[in-house]
Amino acid sequence: MSPEQVNEDRLERLLALILLQQMKGASLGEKALQLNLAGFTNIEVANILQTSADSVKSLIHQVRKKGR
């Protein structure tokens, strides 16, 4: 992995942490949805939230369904 890629990965993680800090009190599903809307894949969201990609998919679906 190149130094540029390492820096980009760190920047993405930092931005994700800032987003999550702003969402204190939000449900896990709401956090997953916002990270997804920010461009993170379900696998990346799962890694950030320390859960599985299947859980993230389900959480996002539930939040979107609830919002309708």
N, C-alpha and C. Protein backbone atom coordinates (compact mmCIF):
# COMPACT_ATOMS: atom_id res chain seq x y z
N MET A 1 0.86 -1.18 0.00
CA MET A 1 0.00 0.00 0.00
C MET A 1 0.90 1.23 0.00
N SER A 2 0.60 2.15 -0.88
CA SER A 2 1.42 3.35 -1.02
C SER A 2 1.14 4.31 0.15
N PRO A 3 2.09 5.20 0.44
CA PRO A 3 1.87 6.19 1.51
C PRO A 3 0.64 7.06 1.25
N GLU A 4 0.35 7.35 -0.02
CA GLU A 4 -0.82 8.15 -0.34
C GLU A 4 -2.11 7.41 0.03
N GLN A 5 -2.12 6.12 -0.26
CA GLN A 5 -3.30 5.30 0.06
C GLN A 5 -3.49 5.19 1.57
N VAL A 6 -2.41 5.06 2.30
CA VAL A 6 -2.48 5.00 3.77
C VAL A 6 -3.07 6.30 4.30
N ASN A 7 -2.60 7.42 3.79
CA ASN A 7 -3.11 8.72 4.24
C ASN A 7 -4.59 8.88 3.89
N GLU A 8 -4.99 8.42 2.71
CA GLU A 8 -6.39 8.51 2.30
C GLU A 8 -7.27 7.65 3.21
N ASP A 9 -6.80 6.45 3.54
CA ASP A 9 -7.56 5.58 4.44
C ASP A 9 -7.72 6.22 5.82
N ARG A 10 -6.66 6.81 6.31
CA ARG A 10 -6.72 7.49 7.62
C ARG A 10 -7.70 8.66 7.59
N LEU A 11 -7.68 9.41 6.51
CA LEU A 11 -8.58 10.54 6.37
C LEU A 11 -10.04 10.08 6.35
N GLU A 12 -10.31 9.00 5.61
CA GLU A 12 -11.67 8.45 5.56
C GLU A 12 -12.12 8.01 6.95
N ARG A 13 -11.25 7.35 7.68
CA ARG A 13 -11.61 6.89 9.03
C ARG A 13 -11.85 8.07 9.97
N LEU A 14 -11.03 9.08 9.85
CA LEU A 14 -11.19 10.27 10.67
C LEU A 14 -12.52 10.96 10.39
N LEU A 15 -12.87 11.10 9.12
CA LEU A 15 -14.14 11.72 8.76
C LEU A 15 -15.33 10.88 9.26
N ALA A 16 -15.19 9.56 9.20
CA ALA A 16 -16.25 8.68 9.71
C ALA A 16 -16.40 8.86 11.22
N LEU A 17 -15.29 8.96 11.94
CA LEU A 17 -15.36 9.16 13.39
C LEU A 17 -15.99 10.50 13.74
N ILE A 18 -15.68 11.53 12.98
CA ILE A 18 -16.28 12.85 13.21
C ILE A 18 -17.79 12.77 13.00
N LEU A 19 -18.21 12.10 11.93
CA LEU A 19 -19.64 11.93 11.67
C LEU A 19 -20.31 11.21 12.83
N LEU A 20 -19.70 10.14 13.31
CA LEU A 20 -20.29 9.38 14.41
C LEU A 20 -20.34 10.19 15.70
N GLN A 21 -19.34 11.02 15.94
CA GLN A 21 -19.35 11.88 17.13
C GLN A 21 -20.51 12.86 17.09
N GLN A 22 -20.85 13.33 15.91
CA GLN A 22 -21.96 14.26 15.75
C GLN A 22 -23.31 13.57 15.92
N MET A 23 -23.30 12.25 15.88
CA MET A 23 -24.55 11.48 15.95
C MET A 23 -24.74 10.79 17.29
N LYS A 24 -24.16 11.33 18.34
CA LYS A 24 -24.34 10.72 19.66
C LYS A 24 -25.82 10.60 19.96
N GLY A 25 -26.23 9.47 20.45
CA GLY A 25 -27.63 9.25 20.77
C GLY A 25 -28.43 8.66 19.62
N ALA A 26 -27.86 8.64 18.42
CA ALA A 26 -28.55 8.07 17.27
C ALA A 26 -28.47 6.55 17.33
N SER A 27 -29.43 5.90 16.72
CA SER A 27 -29.42 4.44 16.69
C SER A 27 -28.30 3.93 15.78
N LEU A 28 -27.98 2.67 15.95
CA LEU A 28 -26.97 2.05 15.11
C LEU A 28 -27.40 2.08 13.65
N GLY A 29 -28.70 1.88 13.41
CA GLY A 29 -29.22 1.93 12.05
C GLY A 29 -29.06 3.30 11.42
N GLU A 30 -29.33 4.35 12.18
CA GLU A 30 -29.17 5.71 11.67
C GLU A 30 -27.71 6.01 11.36
N LYS A 31 -26.82 5.54 12.21
CA LYS A 31 -25.38 5.73 11.96
C LYS A 31 -24.96 4.98 10.70
N ALA A 32 -25.44 3.75 10.56
CA ALA A 32 -25.11 2.95 9.38
C ALA A 32 -25.60 3.63 8.11
N LEU A 33 -26.82 4.15 8.16
CA LEU A 33 -27.38 4.83 6.99
C LEU A 33 -26.56 6.06 6.62
N GLN A 34 -26.19 6.87 7.59
CA GLN A 34 -25.43 8.08 7.30
C GLN A 34 -24.05 7.76 6.73
N LEU A 35 -23.40 6.74 7.27
CA LEU A 35 -22.11 6.33 6.71
C LEU A 35 -22.28 5.82 5.29
N ASN A 36 -23.35 5.10 5.04
CA ASN A 36 -23.63 4.61 3.70
C ASN A 36 -23.88 5.76 2.75
N LEU A 37 -24.65 6.74 3.19
CA LEU A 37 -24.92 7.91 2.36
C LEU A 37 -23.64 8.73 2.10
N ALA A 38 -22.67 8.63 3.02
CA ALA A 38 -21.40 9.32 2.85
C ALA A 38 -20.48 8.59 1.87
N GLY A 39 -20.93 7.43 1.39
CA GLY A 39 -20.16 6.73 0.37
C GLY A 39 -19.44 5.48 0.82
N PHE A 40 -19.59 5.11 2.08
CA PHE A 40 -18.95 3.89 2.57
C PHE A 40 -19.78 2.69 2.16
N THR A 41 -19.11 1.60 1.79
CA THR A 41 -19.80 0.35 1.47
C THR A 41 -20.30 -0.29 2.76
N ASN A 42 -21.18 -1.28 2.62
CA ASN A 42 -21.69 -1.98 3.80
C ASN A 42 -20.56 -2.65 4.57
N ILE A 43 -19.57 -3.17 3.86
CA ILE A 43 -18.43 -3.81 4.51
C ILE A 43 -17.62 -2.78 5.30
N GLU A 44 -17.39 -1.62 4.71
CA GLU A 44 -16.66 -0.56 5.41
C GLU A 44 -17.44 -0.07 6.62
N VAL A 45 -18.75 0.10 6.46
CA VAL A 45 -19.60 0.53 7.58
C VAL A 45 -19.54 -0.51 8.69
N ALA A 46 -19.60 -1.78 8.32
CA ALA A 46 -19.53 -2.86 9.31
C ALA A 46 -18.22 -2.81 10.08
N ASN A 47 -17.13 -2.56 9.40
CA ASN A 47 -15.83 -2.45 10.07
C ASN A 47 -15.80 -1.27 11.03
N ILE A 48 -16.35 -0.15 10.61
CA ILE A 48 -16.35 1.05 11.44
C ILE A 48 -17.23 0.84 12.69
N LEU A 49 -18.40 0.22 12.49
CA LEU A 49 -19.34 0.03 13.59
C LEU A 49 -19.12 -1.29 14.34
N GLN A 50 -18.13 -2.04 13.92
CA GLN A 50 -17.77 -3.31 14.54
C GLN A 50 -18.94 -4.28 14.57
N THR A 51 -19.51 -4.52 13.40
CA THR A 51 -20.60 -5.47 13.24
C THR A 51 -20.41 -6.15 11.89
N SER A 52 -21.39 -6.94 11.46
CA SER A 52 -21.26 -7.64 10.18
C SER A 52 -21.91 -6.84 9.06
N ALA A 53 -21.49 -7.13 7.84
CA ALA A 53 -22.07 -6.46 6.67
C ALA A 53 -23.55 -6.82 6.53
N ASP A 54 -23.93 -8.03 6.89
CA ASP A 54 -25.34 -8.42 6.83
C ASP A 54 -26.17 -7.61 7.82
N SER A 55 -25.62 -7.36 9.00
CA SER A 55 -26.31 -6.53 9.99
C SER A 55 -26.49 -5.11 9.47
N VAL A 56 -25.47 -4.59 8.84
CA VAL A 56 -25.54 -3.23 8.29
C VAL A 56 -26.62 -3.15 7.22
N LYS A 57 -26.65 -4.13 6.35
CA LYS A 57 -27.67 -4.17 5.29
C LYS A 57 -29.07 -4.16 5.90
N SER A 58 -29.27 -4.98 6.92
CA SER A 58 -30.57 -5.07 7.58
C SER A 58 -30.92 -3.77 8.30
N LEU A 59 -29.95 -3.19 9.00
CA LEU A 59 -30.18 -1.94 9.73
C LEU A 59 -30.57 -0.81 8.78
N ILE A 60 -29.86 -0.70 7.68
CA ILE A 60 -30.15 0.36 6.70
C ILE A 60 -31.55 0.16 6.12
N HIS A 61 -31.88 -1.09 5.82
CA HIS A 61 -33.22 -1.37 5.28
C HIS A 61 -34.30 -0.98 6.29
N GLN A 62 -34.10 -1.32 7.56
CA GLN A 62 -35.09 -1.01 8.59
C GLN A 62 -35.27 0.50 8.75
N VAL A 63 -34.18 1.25 8.75
CA VAL A 63 -34.27 2.71 8.91
C VAL A 63 -34.97 3.33 7.71
N ARG A 64 -34.64 2.89 6.52
CA ARG A 64 -35.29 3.42 5.32
C ARG A 64 -36.78 3.09 5.29
N LYS A 65 -37.12 1.86 5.69
CA LYS A 65 -38.52 1.43 5.73
C LYS A 65 -39.30 2.26 6.76
N LYS A 66 -38.68 2.50 7.89
CA LYS A 66 -39.31 3.29 8.96
C LYS A 66 -39.55 4.73 8.53
N GLY A 67 -38.67 5.25 7.69
CA GLY A 67 -38.77 6.64 7.23
C GLY A 67 -39.84 6.86 6.19
N ARG A 68 -40.38 5.83 5.62
CA ARG A 68 -41.40 5.97 4.57
C ARG A 68 -42.73 6.38 5.13
